[in-house]
């Protein structure tokens, strides 16, 4: 019997939004910034707030999907 924790039973989530958020963080790191830009952080916070709880869960699932894809 397959396990319910098997990755093929996990939701994919909002991979596009997760990729956008990760990309903006990585650009900040590669640009040599010591911390997140306050204006960019405000935009990210506003975007996450607009998603609501279900949307934030979908972004988290999308982030987990990206991590799984890079590790596999």
C-alpha atoms as a PDB file:
ATOM      1  CA  UNK A   1       0.000   0.000   0.000  1.00  0.00           C
ATOM      2  CA  UNK A   2       1.492   3.394  -0.979  1.00  0.00           C
ATOM      3  CA  UNK A   3       2.299   5.879   1.747  1.00  0.00           C
ATOM      4  CA  UNK A   4       0.192   9.063   2.017  1.00  0.00           C
ATOM      5  CA  UNK A   5       3.485  10.919   2.591  1.00  0.00           C
ATOM      6  CA  UNK A   6       4.738   9.924  -0.861  1.00  0.00           C
ATOM      7  CA  UNK A   7       5.683  13.050  -2.914  1.00  0.00           C
ATOM      8  CA  UNK A   8       3.325  12.107  -5.729  1.00  0.00           C
ATOM      9  CA  UNK A   9       0.382  12.652  -3.356  1.00  0.00           C
ATOM     10  CA  UNK A  10       1.552  16.143  -2.329  1.00  0.00           C
ATOM     11  CA  UNK A  11      -0.015  19.252  -3.891  1.00  0.00           C
ATOM     12  CA  UNK A  12       2.214  21.139  -6.329  1.00  0.00           C
ATOM     13  CA  UNK A  13       1.121  24.539  -5.037  1.00  0.00           C
ATOM     14  CA  UNK A  14       1.754  27.921  -6.604  1.00  0.00           C
ATOM     15  CA  UNK A  15       5.171  27.272  -8.100  1.00  0.00           C
ATOM     16  CA  UNK A  16       5.203  30.488 -10.145  1.00  0.00           C
ATOM     17  CA  UNK A  17       4.715  32.736  -7.119  1.00  0.00           C
ATOM     18  CA  UNK A  18       7.255  30.757  -5.109  1.00  0.00           C
ATOM     19  CA  UNK A  19       9.797  31.071  -7.916  1.00  0.00           C
ATOM     20  CA  UNK A  20       9.180  34.827  -8.134  1.00  0.00           C
ATOM     21  CA  UNK A  21       9.715  35.289  -4.383  1.00  0.00           C
ATOM     22  CA  UNK A  22      12.849  33.126  -4.330  1.00  0.00           C
ATOM     23  CA  UNK A  23      14.245  34.920  -7.384  1.00  0.00           C
ATOM     24  CA  UNK A  24      13.777  38.340  -5.789  1.00  0.00           C
ATOM     25  CA  UNK A  25      15.597  37.174  -2.635  1.00  0.00           C
ATOM     26  CA  UNK A  26      18.464  35.697  -4.631  1.00  0.00           C
ATOM     27  CA  UNK A  27      18.840  38.890  -6.682  1.00  0.00           C
ATOM     28  CA  UNK A  28      19.138  40.838  -3.432  1.00  0.00           C
ATOM     29  CA  UNK A  29      21.879  38.493  -2.249  1.00  0.00           C
ATOM     30  CA  UNK A  30      23.810  38.630  -5.525  1.00  0.00           C
ATOM     31  CA  UNK A  31      23.538  42.430  -5.666  1.00  0.00           C
ATOM     32  CA  UNK A  32      25.490  42.555  -2.414  1.00  0.00           C
ATOM     33  CA  UNK A  33      22.718  43.966  -0.266  1.00  0.00           C
ATOM     34  CA  UNK A  34      23.066  43.262   3.432  1.00  0.00           C
ATOM     35  CA  UNK A  35      19.323  42.969   3.973  1.00  0.00           C
ATOM     36  CA  UNK A  36      16.067  43.109   2.079  1.00  0.00           C
ATOM     37  CA  UNK A  37      15.154  46.409   0.467  1.00  0.00           C
ATOM     38  CA  UNK A  38      12.357  47.970   2.570  1.00  0.00           C
ATOM     39  CA  UNK A  39      10.332  48.916  -0.506  1.00  0.00           C
ATOM     40  CA  UNK A  40      10.668  45.420  -1.970  1.00  0.00           C
ATOM     41  CA  UNK A  41       9.788  43.859   1.379  1.00  0.00           C
ATOM     42  CA  UNK A  42       6.652  46.014   1.577  1.00  0.00           C
ATOM     43  CA  UNK A  43       5.607  44.849  -1.900  1.00  0.00           C
ATOM     44  CA  UNK A  44       6.202  41.191  -1.002  1.00  0.00           C
ATOM     45  CA  UNK A  45       4.230  41.594   2.243  1.00  0.00           C
ATOM     46  CA  UNK A  46       1.384  43.247   0.331  1.00  0.00           C
ATOM     47  CA  UNK A  47       1.408  40.442  -2.257  1.00  0.00           C
ATOM     48  CA  UNK A  48       1.327  37.695   0.389  1.00  0.00           C
ATOM     49  CA  UNK A  49      -1.469  39.496   2.258  1.00  0.00           C
ATOM     50  CA  UNK A  50      -3.494  39.681  -0.961  1.00  0.00           C
ATOM     51  CA  UNK A  51      -3.282  35.905  -1.379  1.00  0.00           C
ATOM     52  CA  UNK A  52      -5.018  35.088   1.881  1.00  0.00           C
ATOM     53  CA  UNK A  53      -4.387  31.967   3.971  1.00  0.00           C
ATOM     54  CA  UNK A  54      -5.114  29.494   1.159  1.00  0.00           C
ATOM     55  CA  UNK A  55      -2.868  31.366  -1.263  1.00  0.00           C
ATOM     56  CA  UNK A  56      -0.037  31.531   1.260  1.00  0.00           C
ATOM     57  CA  UNK A  57      -0.359  27.778   1.768  1.00  0.00           C
ATOM     58  CA  UNK A  58      -0.190  27.319  -2.003  1.00  0.00           C
ATOM     59  CA  UNK A  59       3.013  29.398  -2.161  1.00  0.00           C
ATOM     60  CA  UNK A  60       4.504  27.284   0.628  1.00  0.00           C
ATOM     61  CA  UNK A  61       3.555  24.107  -1.265  1.00  0.00           C
ATOM     62  CA  UNK A  62       5.102  25.614  -4.409  1.00  0.00           C
ATOM     63  CA  UNK A  63       8.320  26.333  -2.526  1.00  0.00           C
ATOM     64  CA  UNK A  64       8.408  22.751  -1.265  1.00  0.00           C
ATOM     65  CA  UNK A  65       7.824  21.527  -4.820  1.00  0.00           C
ATOM     66  CA  UNK A  66      10.783  23.578  -6.081  1.00  0.00           C
ATOM     67  CA  UNK A  67      13.022  22.259  -3.309  1.00  0.00           C
ATOM     68  CA  UNK A  68      11.966  18.694  -4.117  1.00  0.00           C
ATOM     69  CA  UNK A  69      12.615  19.223  -7.828  1.00  0.00           C
ATOM     70  CA  UNK A  70      16.101  20.627  -7.231  1.00  0.00           C
ATOM     71  CA  UNK A  71      16.973  17.853  -4.787  1.00  0.00           C
ATOM     72  CA  UNK A  72      15.627  14.991  -6.907  1.00  0.00           C
END
